[in-house]
Amino acid sequence: MAFVRKSEKRVQVSSDFEELSTPEDLIAFASKKGLETNPINISELAILLGIQVRYQPMQGEESGSLKKDKKTGDWIMTVNSLHHPHRQRFTIAHEIAHRVRHAANSDTFEDATFFRNGDSNWMEAEANSFAATLLMPSEDFEYYIENVSSTVESIAMHFKVSSHAVRIRAKSLGYEGHNL
């Protein structure tokens, strides 16, 4: 058996978004442009970033896609219109992450499932983490738990995300327990 060196993750942030490469950068940008940021108006943020957002029914568990139109150079995001609005918000944030973080590496992203299994590649994992941070910034998340409510359902309703996304975000921020 031979040992093979794992390739390092090489991300080249799109030159269009060098100054907007983190969720915190995007939140500051949204605030500066007058968008609501707690919770963030994610669909308006996508539009401000020059991404066309389309809603249409998609097959099976397909959540969304992001593709660069080869003729116009425009970025077009498609979101599954059959999914719950909270899942759609996560999809939009996830696709924004691909546009900001991975567009220099690829011009097509098709996302079938979020958080479902460990078979995700590093770009999908990074897009999920980026989306969770964009939708549930740590300071806002912690403030809500300490001052408003620590129930998963309440947090999910406030940030307009799924209970599952709240649990994963809570775990990533070091919280334990079913009721946070």
Protein backbone atom coordinates (compact mmCIF):
# COMPACT_ATOMS: atom_id res chain seq x y z
CA MET A 1 0.00 0.00 0.00
CA ALA A 2 1.34 3.42 -0.94
CA PHE A 3 0.77 6.70 0.82
CA VAL A 4 -0.67 9.50 -1.25
CA ARG A 5 -0.43 13.11 -0.18
CA LYS A 6 -3.85 14.70 0.11
CA SER A 7 -4.18 17.72 -2.10
CA GLU A 8 -4.52 21.01 -0.32
CA LYS A 9 -7.65 23.07 -0.76
CA ARG A 10 -6.75 25.84 -3.12
CA VAL A 11 -9.33 28.55 -3.28
CA GLN A 12 -8.96 31.52 -5.48
CA VAL A 13 -11.58 34.08 -4.50
CA SER A 14 -13.22 35.70 -7.50
CA SER A 15 -11.59 39.05 -8.22
CA ASP A 16 -15.10 40.53 -8.33
CA PHE A 17 -15.43 39.86 -4.61
CA GLU A 18 -11.95 40.15 -3.13
CA GLU A 19 -13.24 42.72 -0.63
CA LEU A 20 -16.36 40.61 0.10
CA SER A 21 -14.87 37.19 0.76
CA THR A 22 -16.33 36.46 4.21
CA PRO A 23 -19.87 36.35 5.61
CA GLU A 24 -18.96 39.29 7.85
CA ASP A 25 -17.87 41.31 4.80
CA LEU A 26 -21.21 40.57 3.11
CA ILE A 27 -23.20 41.54 6.21
CA ALA A 28 -21.32 44.85 6.41
CA PHE A 29 -21.93 45.39 2.67
CA ALA A 30 -25.66 44.64 3.08
CA SER A 31 -25.92 47.02 6.02
CA LYS A 32 -24.12 49.76 4.09
CA LYS A 33 -26.60 49.29 1.24
CA GLY A 34 -29.55 49.61 3.63
CA LEU A 35 -30.61 45.96 3.75
CA GLU A 36 -31.98 44.36 6.89
CA THR A 37 -29.24 42.25 8.47
CA ASN A 38 -30.86 40.62 11.52
CA PRO A 39 -32.02 38.44 9.96
CA ILE A 40 -30.36 39.25 6.66
CA ASN A 41 -32.47 39.87 3.58
CA ILE A 42 -30.65 37.17 1.63
CA SER A 43 -32.53 37.38 -1.66
CA GLU A 44 -31.93 41.14 -1.91
CA LEU A 45 -28.27 40.57 -1.09
CA ALA A 46 -28.00 38.13 -4.01
CA ILE A 47 -29.48 40.75 -6.33
CA LEU A 48 -27.08 43.43 -5.01
CA LEU A 49 -24.24 41.04 -5.83
CA GLY A 50 -25.42 40.90 -9.44
CA ILE A 51 -26.91 37.41 -9.23
CA GLN A 52 -30.22 36.78 -10.98
CA VAL A 53 -32.45 34.68 -8.69
CA ARG A 54 -35.07 32.41 -10.23
CA TYR A 55 -37.51 30.13 -8.45
CA GLN A 56 -38.72 27.01 -10.20
CA PRO A 57 -39.72 23.45 -9.32
CA MET A 58 -36.73 21.11 -9.28
CA GLN A 59 -36.42 17.33 -9.27
CA GLY A 60 -36.13 15.28 -6.08
CA GLU A 61 -33.88 16.74 -3.43
CA GLU A 62 -32.23 19.27 -5.73
CA SER A 63 -32.07 22.53 -3.77
CA GLY A 64 -30.55 24.94 -6.20
CA SER A 65 -27.89 25.76 -8.71
CA LEU A 66 -25.65 28.61 -9.74
CA LYS A 67 -24.42 28.92 -13.30
CA LYS A 68 -22.60 31.51 -15.34
CA ASP A 69 -24.36 32.26 -18.61
CA LYS A 70 -21.71 31.66 -21.24
CA LYS A 71 -23.17 34.26 -23.63
CA THR A 72 -23.81 37.16 -21.24
CA GLY A 73 -21.45 36.38 -18.36
CA ASP A 74 -24.35 36.84 -15.92
CA TRP A 75 -24.64 34.59 -12.89
CA ILE A 76 -28.02 32.88 -12.60
CA MET A 77 -29.19 31.18 -9.42
CA THR A 78 -32.07 28.75 -9.53
CA VAL A 79 -33.86 27.90 -6.27
CA ASN A 80 -36.29 25.01 -5.81
CA SER A 81 -39.70 26.69 -5.51
CA LEU A 82 -41.14 23.52 -3.94
CA HIS A 83 -38.95 23.82 -0.84
CA HIS A 84 -39.93 25.62 2.36
CA PRO A 85 -38.98 29.32 2.34
CA HIS A 86 -36.47 28.72 5.16
CA ARG A 87 -34.70 26.07 3.10
CA GLN A 88 -34.77 28.42 0.12
CA ARG A 89 -33.00 31.08 2.23
CA PHE A 90 -30.27 28.59 3.07
CA THR A 91 -29.98 27.62 -0.59
CA ILE A 92 -29.58 31.27 -1.61
CA ALA A 93 -26.91 31.84 1.04
CA HIS A 94 -25.15 28.62 -0.02
CA GLU A 95 -25.11 29.69 -3.69
CA ILE A 96 -23.87 33.17 -2.72
CA ALA A 97 -20.99 31.40 -0.98
CA HIS A 98 -20.17 29.56 -4.20
CA ARG A 99 -20.24 32.82 -6.15
CA VAL A 100 -18.01 34.66 -3.70
CA ARG A 101 -15.63 31.86 -2.71
CA HIS A 102 -15.54 29.41 -5.62
CA ALA A 103 -16.46 31.16 -8.88
CA ALA A 104 -12.80 31.49 -9.84
CA ASN A 105 -12.61 27.68 -9.70
CA SER A 106 -15.83 26.80 -11.53
CA ASP A 107 -18.74 28.41 -13.33
CA THR A 108 -21.39 25.79 -12.49
CA PHE A 109 -22.62 24.61 -9.10
CA GLU A 110 -25.50 22.16 -8.66
CA ASP A 111 -26.53 21.37 -5.12
CA ALA A 112 -28.73 18.40 -4.42
CA THR A 113 -28.58 18.06 -0.66
CA PHE A 114 -27.41 20.15 2.29
CA PHE A 115 -26.40 18.69 5.64
CA ARG A 116 -27.63 15.23 4.67
CA ASN A 117 -24.48 13.14 4.72
CA GLY A 118 -20.74 13.25 5.01
CA ASP A 119 -20.16 12.70 1.29
CA SER A 120 -19.94 16.42 0.64
CA ASN A 121 -16.80 17.77 -1.01
CA TRP A 122 -14.80 20.60 0.56
CA MET A 123 -16.46 23.32 -1.55
CA GLU A 124 -19.91 22.14 -0.45
CA ALA A 125 -18.81 21.98 3.19
CA GLU A 126 -17.33 25.47 2.97
CA ALA A 127 -20.47 26.82 1.26
CA ASN A 128 -22.63 25.30 4.02
CA SER A 129 -20.50 26.84 6.76
CA PHE A 130 -20.40 30.20 4.96
CA ALA A 131 -24.20 30.15 4.51
CA ALA A 132 -24.81 29.29 8.17
CA THR A 133 -22.55 32.14 9.30
CA LEU A 134 -24.17 34.57 6.88
CA LEU A 135 -27.69 33.66 8.01
CA MET A 136 -26.86 33.22 11.71
CA PRO A 137 -23.88 35.44 12.62
CA SER A 138 -22.28 34.33 15.89
CA GLU A 139 -22.89 37.63 17.74
CA ASP A 140 -26.56 37.76 16.75
CA PHE A 141 -27.01 34.05 17.45
CA GLU A 142 -25.44 34.31 20.90
CA TYR A 143 -27.35 37.50 21.74
CA TYR A 144 -30.63 35.81 20.81
CA ILE A 145 -29.90 32.76 22.98
CA GLU A 146 -28.82 34.86 25.98
CA ASN A 147 -31.50 37.56 25.79
CA VAL A 148 -34.54 36.26 23.91
CA SER A 149 -34.89 32.48 23.76
CA SER A 150 -32.76 29.38 23.68
CA THR A 151 -35.31 27.08 22.06
CA VAL A 152 -34.37 25.69 18.68
CA GLU A 153 -37.79 26.52 17.23
CA SER A 154 -37.65 30.16 18.34
CA ILE A 155 -34.13 30.63 16.99
CA ALA A 156 -35.12 29.01 13.69
CA MET A 157 -38.13 31.32 13.35
CA HIS A 158 -36.05 34.41 14.15
CA PHE A 159 -33.29 33.65 11.63
CA LYS A 160 -35.76 32.09 9.14
CA VAL A 161 -33.84 28.84 8.83
CA SER A 162 -34.60 25.20 9.59
CA SER A 163 -34.32 23.70 13.07
CA HIS A 164 -31.66 21.39 11.65
CA ALA A 165 -29.57 24.38 10.50
CA VAL A 166 -29.91 25.92 13.99
CA ARG A 167 -28.68 22.73 15.66
CA ILE A 168 -25.66 22.49 13.37
CA ARG A 169 -24.82 26.17 13.86
CA ALA A 170 -25.20 25.86 17.64
CA LYS A 171 -22.87 22.87 17.68
CA SER A 172 -20.29 24.75 15.58
CA LEU A 173 -20.42 27.60 18.11
CA GLY A 174 -19.84 25.23 21.03
CA TYR A 175 -23.36 24.87 22.37
CA GLU A 176 -24.59 21.55 23.70
CA GLY A 177 -27.95 20.02 24.48
CA HIS A 178 -31.22 19.62 22.70
CA ASN A 179 -32.65 22.91 24.00
CA LEU A 180 -29.34 24.79 23.63
